[in-house]
Amino acid sequence: MSELDKLKKQLCLYKLENNKLNAKYKFYKSIFRSHNNSVVLNLQIKKINGSRVWVDPIRDDIEFIKLLDRDDEVTEWLKPIKFEK
């Protein structure tokens, strides 16, 4: 493999890594559009059909939480609250 081929391959790898980092940056920046009134400490990253979304389990409504891909935490959020008399 020539030096030029090695450099082209390395450049391609850098471009892929850059695209991944840009996508991650845009996702984290989206927090200010989707949950601008939420406390950042409350926000969690969950998935809907494999796509990452921000979730505030305190402020988001139950219909939105029902759309999330199920994991232990989401299942716990969906359990009804028991009131004691």
N, C-alpha and C. Protein backbone atom coordinates (compact mmCIF):
# COMPACT_ATOMS: atom_id res chain seq x y z
N MET A 1 0.85 -1.17 0.00
CA MET A 1 0.00 0.00 0.00
C MET A 1 0.90 1.24 0.00
N SER A 2 0.60 2.14 -0.90
CA SER A 2 1.43 3.33 -1.02
C SER A 2 1.08 4.33 0.09
N GLU A 3 1.96 5.27 0.24
CA GLU A 3 1.76 6.31 1.26
C GLU A 3 0.50 7.12 0.97
N LEU A 4 0.23 7.38 -0.31
CA LEU A 4 -0.95 8.13 -0.71
C LEU A 4 -2.23 7.38 -0.32
N ASP A 5 -2.24 6.07 -0.53
CA ASP A 5 -3.40 5.27 -0.16
C ASP A 5 -3.64 5.26 1.35
N LYS A 6 -2.57 5.21 2.10
CA LYS A 6 -2.67 5.25 3.56
C LYS A 6 -3.27 6.57 4.02
N LEU A 7 -2.80 7.65 3.40
CA LEU A 7 -3.32 8.97 3.76
C LEU A 7 -4.79 9.13 3.39
N LYS A 8 -5.19 8.60 2.23
CA LYS A 8 -6.59 8.66 1.82
C LYS A 8 -7.47 7.87 2.79
N LYS A 9 -6.98 6.72 3.20
CA LYS A 9 -7.74 5.89 4.14
C LYS A 9 -7.87 6.61 5.48
N GLN A 10 -6.78 7.23 5.95
CA GLN A 10 -6.80 7.96 7.21
C GLN A 10 -7.76 9.15 7.11
N LEU A 11 -7.75 9.85 5.99
CA LEU A 11 -8.65 10.98 5.78
C LEU A 11 -10.10 10.52 5.83
N CYS A 12 -10.40 9.41 5.22
CA CYS A 12 -11.75 8.86 5.23
C CYS A 12 -12.19 8.53 6.66
N LEU A 13 -11.30 7.95 7.43
CA LEU A 13 -11.60 7.64 8.83
C LEU A 13 -11.86 8.92 9.64
N TYR A 14 -11.07 9.95 9.40
CA TYR A 14 -11.27 11.22 10.09
C TYR A 14 -12.61 11.85 9.72
N LYS A 15 -13.01 11.75 8.46
CA LYS A 15 -14.29 12.30 8.03
C LYS A 15 -15.45 11.57 8.71
N LEU A 16 -15.35 10.24 8.82
CA LEU A 16 -16.39 9.46 9.50
C LEU A 16 -16.48 9.85 10.98
N GLU A 17 -15.34 9.98 11.61
CA GLU A 17 -15.31 10.37 13.02
C GLU A 17 -15.89 11.78 13.20
N ASN A 18 -15.55 12.68 12.29
CA ASN A 18 -16.06 14.04 12.35
C ASN A 18 -17.58 14.06 12.20
N ASN A 19 -18.12 13.24 11.30
CA ASN A 19 -19.57 13.18 11.12
C ASN A 19 -20.27 12.66 12.38
N LYS A 20 -19.67 11.65 13.02
CA LYS A 20 -20.24 11.12 14.26
C LYS A 20 -20.23 12.18 15.36
N LEU A 21 -19.13 12.90 15.48
CA LEU A 21 -19.03 13.94 16.50
C LEU A 21 -20.00 15.09 16.23
N ASN A 22 -20.18 15.45 14.97
CA ASN A 22 -21.14 16.50 14.62
C ASN A 22 -22.56 16.09 14.97
N ALA A 23 -22.92 14.84 14.71
CA ALA A 23 -24.25 14.34 15.04
C ALA A 23 -24.46 14.37 16.55
N LYS A 24 -23.44 13.97 17.29
CA LYS A 24 -23.52 13.99 18.75
C LYS A 24 -23.65 15.42 19.25
N TYR A 25 -22.89 16.32 18.69
CA TYR A 25 -22.95 17.74 19.07
C TYR A 25 -24.34 18.31 18.83
N LYS A 26 -24.93 18.03 17.67
CA LYS A 26 -26.26 18.53 17.35
C LYS A 26 -27.30 17.98 18.32
N PHE A 27 -27.15 16.70 18.69
CA PHE A 27 -28.09 16.11 19.64
C PHE A 27 -28.00 16.80 21.00
N TYR A 28 -26.81 16.99 21.50
CA TYR A 28 -26.66 17.64 22.81
C TYR A 28 -27.11 19.09 22.76
N LYS A 29 -26.91 19.75 21.63
CA LYS A 29 -27.35 21.13 21.48
C LYS A 29 -28.88 21.23 21.43
N SER A 30 -29.53 20.16 21.00
CA SER A 30 -30.99 20.16 20.87
C SER A 30 -31.69 20.24 22.23
N ILE A 31 -30.97 20.03 23.30
CA ILE A 31 -31.55 20.10 24.65
C ILE A 31 -32.18 21.47 24.88
N PHE A 32 -31.62 22.51 24.30
CA PHE A 32 -32.12 23.86 24.52
C PHE A 32 -33.38 24.15 23.71
N ARG A 33 -33.65 23.36 22.67
CA ARG A 33 -34.87 23.53 21.90
C ARG A 33 -36.00 22.68 22.46
N SER A 34 -35.71 21.46 22.83
CA SER A 34 -36.77 20.54 23.24
C SER A 34 -37.17 20.68 24.70
N HIS A 35 -36.24 21.04 25.57
CA HIS A 35 -36.53 21.10 27.01
C HIS A 35 -35.90 22.35 27.63
N ASN A 36 -36.23 23.50 27.08
CA ASN A 36 -35.59 24.72 27.57
C ASN A 36 -36.04 25.12 28.97
N ASN A 37 -37.17 24.59 29.45
CA ASN A 37 -37.64 24.93 30.80
C ASN A 37 -37.35 23.83 31.82
N SER A 38 -36.64 22.81 31.42
CA SER A 38 -36.36 21.69 32.33
C SER A 38 -35.03 21.89 33.03
N VAL A 39 -34.92 21.29 34.18
CA VAL A 39 -33.64 21.27 34.89
C VAL A 39 -32.78 20.19 34.24
N VAL A 40 -31.58 20.54 33.84
CA VAL A 40 -30.73 19.61 33.10
C VAL A 40 -30.47 18.34 33.90
N LEU A 41 -30.42 18.46 35.20
CA LEU A 41 -30.19 17.29 36.05
C LEU A 41 -31.30 16.26 35.90
N ASN A 42 -32.52 16.69 35.59
CA ASN A 42 -33.65 15.77 35.44
C ASN A 42 -33.68 15.06 34.09
N LEU A 43 -33.00 15.61 33.11
CA LEU A 43 -33.08 15.08 31.76
C LEU A 43 -32.30 13.79 31.60
N GLN A 44 -32.87 12.92 30.80
CA GLN A 44 -32.22 11.65 30.50
C GLN A 44 -32.32 11.40 29.00
N ILE A 45 -31.40 10.60 28.50
CA ILE A 45 -31.42 10.22 27.10
C ILE A 45 -32.06 8.85 27.00
N LYS A 46 -33.14 8.78 26.23
CA LYS A 46 -33.82 7.52 25.95
C LYS A 46 -33.99 7.42 24.45
N LYS A 47 -34.60 6.33 24.00
CA LYS A 47 -34.76 6.12 22.57
C LYS A 47 -36.22 5.89 22.20
N ILE A 48 -36.58 6.38 21.02
CA ILE A 48 -37.86 6.09 20.40
C ILE A 48 -37.54 5.48 19.04
N ASN A 49 -37.89 4.23 18.88
CA ASN A 49 -37.57 3.48 17.65
C ASN A 49 -36.08 3.55 17.31
N GLY A 50 -35.25 3.51 18.33
CA GLY A 50 -33.80 3.50 18.14
C GLY A 50 -33.17 4.87 18.03
N SER A 51 -33.96 5.93 17.92
CA SER A 51 -33.42 7.29 17.82
C SER A 51 -33.38 7.93 19.20
N ARG A 52 -32.27 8.58 19.51
CA ARG A 52 -32.10 9.19 20.83
C ARG A 52 -32.95 10.44 20.97
N VAL A 53 -33.57 10.57 22.14
CA VAL A 53 -34.38 11.75 22.47
C VAL A 53 -34.11 12.13 23.91
N TRP A 54 -34.37 13.40 24.22
CA TRP A 54 -34.29 13.88 25.59
C TRP A 54 -35.62 13.63 26.29
N VAL A 55 -35.55 13.20 27.54
CA VAL A 55 -36.76 12.94 28.32
C VAL A 55 -36.61 13.58 29.69
N ASP A 56 -37.65 14.29 30.07
CA ASP A 56 -37.75 14.81 31.44
C ASP A 56 -38.90 14.06 32.10
N PRO A 57 -38.61 13.04 32.90
CA PRO A 57 -39.68 12.21 33.46
C PRO A 57 -40.61 12.98 34.39
N ILE A 58 -40.20 14.13 34.84
CA ILE A 58 -41.04 14.93 35.73
C ILE A 58 -42.01 15.81 34.94
N ARG A 59 -41.55 16.40 33.84
CA ARG A 59 -42.37 17.36 33.10
C ARG A 59 -43.03 16.78 31.86
N ASP A 60 -42.43 15.76 31.23
CA ASP A 60 -43.03 15.20 30.02
C ASP A 60 -44.29 14.42 30.38
N ASP A 61 -45.26 14.46 29.48
CA ASP A 61 -46.53 13.78 29.77
C ASP A 61 -46.42 12.27 29.54
N ILE A 62 -47.37 11.55 30.08
CA ILE A 62 -47.36 10.09 30.05
C ILE A 62 -47.46 9.56 28.63
N GLU A 63 -48.14 10.28 27.75
CA GLU A 63 -48.28 9.84 26.35
C GLU A 63 -46.92 9.82 25.65
N PHE A 64 -46.08 10.81 25.94
CA PHE A 64 -44.74 10.83 25.37
C PHE A 64 -43.90 9.69 25.95
N ILE A 65 -44.01 9.46 27.23
CA ILE A 65 -43.22 8.40 27.87
C ILE A 65 -43.64 7.03 27.35
N LYS A 66 -44.91 6.87 27.00
CA LYS A 66 -45.38 5.60 26.44
C LYS A 66 -44.75 5.31 25.07
N LEU A 67 -44.31 6.35 24.37
CA LEU A 67 -43.68 6.17 23.06
C LEU A 67 -42.25 5.64 23.15
N LEU A 68 -41.63 5.77 24.31
CA LEU A 68 -40.23 5.41 24.46
C LEU A 68 -40.02 3.90 24.34
N ASP A 69 -38.84 3.53 23.84
CA ASP A 69 -38.45 2.12 23.85
C ASP A 69 -38.34 1.68 25.30
N ARG A 70 -38.84 0.51 25.60
CA ARG A 70 -38.91 0.07 26.99
C ARG A 70 -37.57 -0.41 27.52
N ASP A 71 -37.26 0.05 28.70
CA ASP A 71 -36.16 -0.48 29.50
C ASP A 71 -36.67 -0.48 30.94
N ASP A 72 -35.86 -0.89 31.88
CA ASP A 72 -36.31 -0.98 33.27
C ASP A 72 -36.78 0.36 33.81
N GLU A 73 -36.07 1.40 33.48
CA GLU A 73 -36.40 2.73 34.00
C GLU A 73 -37.73 3.25 33.43
N VAL A 74 -37.92 3.09 32.12
CA VAL A 74 -39.16 3.54 31.49
C VAL A 74 -40.35 2.75 32.05
N THR A 75 -40.16 1.46 32.23
CA THR A 75 -41.22 0.63 32.80
C THR A 75 -41.59 1.11 34.20
N GLU A 76 -40.59 1.50 34.97
CA GLU A 76 -40.83 2.01 36.32
C GLU A 76 -41.60 3.34 36.27
N TRP A 77 -41.28 4.20 35.31
CA TRP A 77 -41.98 5.48 35.18
C TRP A 77 -43.46 5.27 34.85
N LEU A 78 -43.77 4.19 34.15
CA LEU A 78 -45.14 3.95 33.71
C LEU A 78 -46.01 3.27 34.76
N LYS A 79 -45.40 2.82 35.84
CA LYS A 79 -46.19 2.18 36.89
C LYS A 79 -47.05 3.24 37.58
N PRO A 80 -48.29 2.87 37.91
CA PRO A 80 -49.15 3.84 38.61
C PRO A 80 -48.64 4.11 40.03
N ILE A 81 -48.93 5.30 40.50
CA ILE A 81 -48.52 5.69 41.85
C ILE A 81 -49.54 5.16 42.84
N LYS A 82 -49.07 4.54 43.89
CA LYS A 82 -49.94 4.00 44.92
C LYS A 82 -50.09 5.05 46.03
N PHE A 83 -51.34 5.36 46.33
CA PHE A 83 -51.62 6.30 47.41
C PHE A 83 -52.06 5.53 48.64
N GLU A 84 -51.55 5.91 49.78
CA GLU A 84 -51.96 5.26 51.02
C GLU A 84 -53.04 6.09 51.67
N LYS A 85 -53.95 5.40 52.32
CA LYS A 85 -55.05 6.09 53.00
C LYS A 85 -54.74 6.32 54.45
